N, C-alpha and C. Protein backbone atom coordinates (compact mmCIF):
# COMPACT_ATOMS: atom_id res chain seq x y z
N MET A 1 9.11 17.92 10.84
CA MET A 1 7.23 17.84 10.14
C MET A 1 6.13 18.39 11.64
N TYR A 2 5.70 19.30 11.01
CA TYR A 2 4.18 19.57 11.49
C TYR A 2 2.81 19.43 11.13
N PHE A 3 2.13 19.45 11.77
CA PHE A 3 0.78 19.24 10.88
C PHE A 3 -0.60 20.43 11.10
N VAL A 4 -0.93 20.83 10.03
CA VAL A 4 -2.11 21.32 10.48
C VAL A 4 -3.50 21.16 10.57
N THR A 5 -4.03 21.72 11.47
CA THR A 5 -5.01 20.90 12.34
C THR A 5 -6.67 21.68 11.62
N VAL A 6 -7.32 21.27 10.54
CA VAL A 6 -8.29 21.95 10.06
C VAL A 6 -9.67 21.11 10.11
N GLY A 7 -10.78 21.91 10.33
CA GLY A 7 -11.90 20.68 10.36
C GLY A 7 -12.66 20.89 8.51
N LYS A 8 -12.80 19.66 9.15
CA LYS A 8 -13.16 18.87 7.74
C LYS A 8 -13.71 17.85 7.83
N LYS A 9 -15.44 17.93 7.66
CA LYS A 9 -16.70 17.08 7.84
C LYS A 9 -15.74 16.15 6.05
N PRO A 10 -16.00 14.55 6.76
CA PRO A 10 -16.59 13.71 7.69
C PRO A 10 -15.92 13.81 8.98
N TRP A 11 -14.49 13.89 8.98
CA TRP A 11 -13.63 13.45 10.00
C TRP A 11 -13.86 14.32 11.48
N ILE A 12 -14.05 13.83 12.58
CA ILE A 12 -13.98 14.34 13.46
C ILE A 12 -12.24 14.88 13.65
N MET A 13 -11.17 14.66 13.29
CA MET A 13 -10.25 15.12 13.12
C MET A 13 -9.41 15.38 11.95
N PHE A 14 -8.68 16.19 11.67
CA PHE A 14 -8.10 16.37 10.18
C PHE A 14 -6.96 17.31 10.17
N CYS A 15 -5.82 16.86 9.95
CA CYS A 15 -4.50 17.53 9.96
C CYS A 15 -3.83 17.26 8.52
N LYS A 16 -3.60 18.69 7.90
CA LYS A 16 -2.68 18.52 7.00
C LYS A 16 -1.12 18.53 7.08
N THR A 17 -0.18 17.72 6.56
CA THR A 17 1.63 17.95 6.40
C THR A 17 1.31 19.63 5.65
N PRO A 18 2.08 20.00 6.07
CA PRO A 18 3.21 21.57 5.38
C PRO A 18 2.89 22.00 3.74
N SER A 19 3.07 20.69 3.47
CA SER A 19 3.09 21.06 1.60
C SER A 19 1.19 20.79 1.61
N GLU A 20 0.86 19.95 2.64
CA GLU A 20 -0.59 19.68 1.85
C GLU A 20 -1.19 18.48 0.95
N ARG A 21 0.13 17.77 0.30
CA ARG A 21 0.15 16.85 -0.33
C ARG A 21 -0.44 15.54 0.44
N ALA A 22 -0.33 15.49 2.19
CA ALA A 22 -1.05 14.60 2.73
C ALA A 22 -1.89 14.88 4.22
N ALA A 23 -1.97 14.13 4.42
CA ALA A 23 -3.09 14.28 5.79
C ALA A 23 -3.74 13.64 6.63
N ILE A 24 -3.65 13.81 7.96
CA ILE A 24 -3.85 12.80 8.66
C ILE A 24 -5.38 12.74 9.59
N ALA A 25 -6.37 12.00 10.16
CA ALA A 25 -7.44 11.91 9.78
C ALA A 25 -7.83 10.99 11.17
N LEU A 26 -8.76 11.38 11.48
CA LEU A 26 -9.51 10.29 12.57
C LEU A 26 -10.97 10.17 12.19
N THR A 27 -12.03 9.35 11.73
CA THR A 27 -12.99 9.14 11.85
C THR A 27 -13.84 9.15 13.13
N GLU A 28 -15.21 8.45 13.29
CA GLU A 28 -16.33 8.65 14.44
C GLU A 28 -15.93 7.08 14.72
N LYS A 29 -15.27 6.21 14.32
CA LYS A 29 -15.49 5.08 14.53
C LYS A 29 -13.86 4.77 14.79
N GLN A 30 -12.99 6.11 15.27
CA GLN A 30 -11.73 5.64 15.75
C GLN A 30 -11.21 4.73 14.76
N MET A 31 -11.02 5.12 13.91
CA MET A 31 -10.28 4.71 12.66
C MET A 31 -9.64 5.70 11.86
N VAL A 32 -8.26 5.36 11.58
CA VAL A 32 -7.30 6.23 11.58
C VAL A 32 -6.85 6.56 10.25
N GLN A 33 -7.05 7.26 9.22
CA GLN A 33 -6.82 7.52 7.61
C GLN A 33 -5.40 8.25 7.33
N LEU A 34 -4.98 7.44 6.68
CA LEU A 34 -3.54 8.59 5.76
C LEU A 34 -4.46 9.18 4.31
N LEU A 35 -4.27 10.44 3.92
CA LEU A 35 -4.94 10.47 3.22
C LEU A 35 -3.91 11.25 2.04
N LYS A 36 -3.90 11.32 0.82
CA LYS A 36 -3.39 11.93 0.05
C LYS A 36 -4.35 12.70 -0.43
N ARG A 37 -3.90 13.90 -1.45
CA ARG A 37 -4.44 15.50 -2.10
C ARG A 37 -4.38 14.61 -3.15
N GLY A 38 -5.70 14.59 -3.88
CA GLY A 38 -6.96 13.66 -5.37
C GLY A 38 -6.05 15.37 -6.35
N GLN A 39 -7.02 14.78 -6.99
CA GLN A 39 -6.37 16.33 -8.08
C GLN A 39 -7.33 18.02 -8.32
N GLU A 40 -8.20 17.43 -7.36
CA GLU A 40 -9.10 19.25 -6.99
C GLU A 40 -9.09 19.50 -5.07
N MET A 41 -8.16 20.27 -5.35
CA MET A 41 -8.03 21.23 -3.78
C MET A 41 -8.75 19.97 -2.48
N ASP A 42 -10.25 19.68 -2.78
CA ASP A 42 -11.07 19.23 -1.67
C ASP A 42 -11.35 17.18 -1.91
N ASP A 43 -10.50 16.67 -2.73
CA ASP A 43 -10.56 15.57 -3.47
C ASP A 43 -9.29 14.71 -2.34
N TRP A 44 -9.99 13.82 -1.27
CA TRP A 44 -8.62 13.36 -0.77
C TRP A 44 -8.23 11.78 -0.65
N GLN A 45 -7.37 10.96 -0.82
CA GLN A 45 -7.90 10.01 -1.60
C GLN A 45 -7.18 8.67 -0.29
N VAL A 46 -7.59 7.37 0.20
CA VAL A 46 -7.13 7.23 1.13
C VAL A 46 -6.08 5.59 1.05
N LEU A 47 -5.10 6.76 1.88
CA LEU A 47 -3.63 5.60 1.10
C LEU A 47 -3.86 4.58 2.02
N ALA A 48 -4.29 4.11 3.21
CA ALA A 48 -4.33 3.52 4.19
C ALA A 48 -5.10 3.76 5.85
N GLU A 49 -5.41 2.94 6.16
CA GLU A 49 -6.84 3.13 7.21
C GLU A 49 -6.38 1.85 8.46
N TRP A 50 -6.18 2.06 9.42
CA TRP A 50 -6.08 1.72 10.73
C TRP A 50 -6.88 2.25 11.96
N SER A 51 -7.15 1.07 12.94
CA SER A 51 -7.52 1.32 14.36
C SER A 51 -6.27 2.16 15.09
N ALA A 52 -7.16 3.29 15.86
CA ALA A 52 -6.57 4.24 16.80
C ALA A 52 -6.04 3.30 17.98
N GLU A 53 -6.65 2.41 17.78
CA GLU A 53 -6.32 1.48 19.50
C GLU A 53 -4.90 0.85 18.64
N GLU A 54 -4.93 0.91 17.66
CA GLU A 54 -3.56 -0.52 16.98
C GLU A 54 -2.26 0.74 16.73
N PHE A 55 -2.71 2.24 16.41
CA PHE A 55 -1.51 3.04 16.28
C PHE A 55 -2.02 4.29 16.52
N SER A 56 -2.58 5.56 17.46
CA SER A 56 -3.45 6.79 17.41
C SER A 56 -2.95 7.39 16.71
N HIS A 57 -3.55 8.59 16.00
CA HIS A 57 -3.28 9.72 15.16
C HIS A 57 -1.92 10.09 15.38
N THR A 58 -2.17 10.58 17.07
CA THR A 58 -1.38 11.44 18.10
C THR A 58 -0.01 11.13 17.58
N ASP A 59 0.19 9.32 18.18
CA ASP A 59 1.41 8.42 17.84
C ASP A 59 1.83 8.83 16.38
N PHE A 60 1.01 8.86 15.36
CA PHE A 60 1.51 9.16 14.24
C PHE A 60 2.14 10.20 14.23
N MET A 61 1.13 11.18 15.02
CA MET A 61 2.02 12.27 14.38
C MET A 61 3.41 12.89 15.47
N SER A 62 3.25 12.34 16.66
CA SER A 62 4.12 12.59 17.31
C SER A 62 5.69 11.78 16.59
N ALA A 63 5.13 10.38 16.40
CA ALA A 63 6.50 9.96 15.21
C ALA A 63 7.36 10.69 14.15
N MET A 64 6.75 11.45 13.49
CA MET A 64 6.67 12.53 12.42
C MET A 64 7.70 13.72 13.07
N HIS A 65 7.41 14.28 14.19
CA HIS A 65 7.88 15.29 15.11
C HIS A 65 9.02 15.53 14.51
N GLN A 66 9.97 15.15 14.39
CA GLN A 66 11.42 15.03 13.93
C GLN A 66 11.52 15.06 12.41
N ARG A 67 11.16 14.36 11.64
CA ARG A 67 11.29 14.09 10.46
C ARG A 67 11.09 15.40 9.26
N ASN A 68 11.36 15.25 8.42
CA ASN A 68 11.27 16.35 7.54
C ASN A 68 10.57 15.38 6.27
N GLU A 69 9.30 16.50 5.81
CA GLU A 69 7.62 15.66 5.51
C GLU A 69 8.88 14.66 3.58
N PRO A 70 7.89 13.39 3.15
CA PRO A 70 8.78 13.40 2.08
C PRO A 70 7.70 13.56 1.01
N GLU A 71 8.08 13.52 -0.09
CA GLU A 71 8.09 14.07 -1.50
C GLU A 71 6.15 13.30 -1.36
N ASP A 72 7.01 11.66 -1.28
CA ASP A 72 5.96 10.93 -1.73
C ASP A 72 4.63 10.52 -0.47
N PRO A 73 3.95 11.01 -0.36
CA PRO A 73 2.74 10.43 1.05
C PRO A 73 2.65 9.55 1.48
N LYS A 74 3.09 8.14 0.73
CA LYS A 74 3.20 6.72 0.88
C LYS A 74 4.25 6.54 1.90
N GLU A 75 5.64 7.40 1.91
CA GLU A 75 6.93 7.04 2.53
C GLU A 75 5.82 7.43 3.76
N LEU A 76 4.93 8.54 4.31
CA LEU A 76 4.76 8.02 5.69
C LEU A 76 4.14 7.23 6.03
N LEU A 77 4.24 6.48 6.15
CA LEU A 77 3.92 4.77 6.40
C LEU A 77 4.98 4.35 6.87
N ARG A 78 6.01 4.68 6.83
CA ARG A 78 7.13 3.88 7.23
C ARG A 78 7.56 4.65 8.51
N VAL A 79 6.98 5.43 9.04
CA VAL A 79 6.24 5.43 11.06
C VAL A 79 5.97 4.43 11.32
N LEU A 80 4.75 3.69 11.12
CA LEU A 80 4.00 2.56 11.23
C LEU A 80 4.86 1.69 12.17
N PRO A 81 4.38 1.01 13.50
CA PRO A 81 4.80 0.37 13.97
C PRO A 81 4.93 -1.12 12.66
N ALA A 82 6.04 -1.88 12.72
CA ALA A 82 6.50 -2.96 11.97
C ALA A 82 4.77 -4.20 11.42
N ALA A 83 4.83 -4.21 12.68
CA ALA A 83 3.65 -5.54 12.63
C ALA A 83 2.20 -4.92 11.72
N LEU A 84 1.83 -3.50 12.14
CA LEU A 84 0.88 -2.44 11.40
C LEU A 84 1.08 -2.49 10.09
N ARG A 85 2.50 -2.18 9.65
CA ARG A 85 2.64 -2.00 7.82
C ARG A 85 2.65 -3.16 7.40
N GLN A 86 2.67 -4.31 8.15
CA GLN A 86 2.70 -5.82 7.58
C GLN A 86 0.91 -5.89 7.67
N LYS A 87 0.71 -5.85 8.17
CA LYS A 87 -0.94 -6.13 8.12
C LYS A 87 -1.21 -5.48 7.18
N LEU A 88 -0.93 -4.06 6.99
CA LEU A 88 -1.66 -3.16 5.92
C LEU A 88 -0.97 -3.37 4.64
N SER A 89 -0.07 -4.06 3.92
CA SER A 89 0.57 -4.52 3.24
C SER A 89 -0.31 -5.73 2.51
N ASN A 90 -1.14 -6.18 3.65
CA ASN A 90 -1.62 -7.36 3.04
C ASN A 90 -3.08 -7.19 2.10
């Protein structure tokens, strides 16, 4: 899977999946956000958020490189390290 990088405020980095159902973004505070598209074209909802120190946006995109884009954006969370997935589920 690949990502398309676009400029989108307020994020300092914003990359959409090929279907544009999901995106990975980086905030100024170095927080990575996994987003899903809402009802409107520019409506993005945060599915998960974690520190870039724990798992960077680059690590996330690299982990998805040889995978197909899932239908459900929540399935993208499977590439996160087990400890981070556990932390996010609490």
